[in-house]
Amino acid sequence: MTTRLPEPWLRGPVPGVPPLLQPAAHAFLMAHEDVTAALDGITEGELWLRPHGVAALGFHLAHLAGSTDRLLTYARGEALSAEQRATLDRERTLTEERPPLNRLLTEWHETVAAALRQLSSTSENDLRAPRLVGRAQLPSTVLGLLFHAAEHASRHTGQLVTTAKLVRAHR
């Protein structure tokens, strides 16, 4: 029997992350762990299956990394780079390109590490600072973007976990 650790939010504060940003840090850590566990044993072919027409595991994994990176960029008050815009465009054709699992998983793990670094370097004094999002320049704040990045990652992680169960059921 494997002893499972408590969920990240029950393990105490994430070192270096300001108190008001602890929930976002815990959400990113939970998403990191849940994605890794859900994809354990998934084959390259299974990564791109769409059971019952749902989005493929590979899409969710790529979108997790790409969308988190984009939201964190906006939280820093920066515009998307040409590379980030190209990544967004590629998300629409991922099922044709089919990047390998190890590459997608590495990108997600690197994105979570970058998110935790950004949370650690964000001052609580800056959380209300206004930020503009996307081409439409919609209004948000640093806190709004950091919170949305964490909850968006949690939502897609849940979809990925459920899809992995569906894929395994079709073996």
Foldseek 3Di string as FASTA:
>chain_A
DDDDDPQQVVVDADPLFDPVCRVLLSLLVNLLVLLVVLCVPQALVQQCDQVVNHGGLVLLLLCLLLVLVQLLCQLVQHHDDPVSVVSVVCSVVCSVVSDGPVVSSVSSVVSSVVLVVSSSPDDPVQFQPWTFDDPVRDIDGSVRSSVCSSVVSNVSSVVSSVSSVVSVVVD
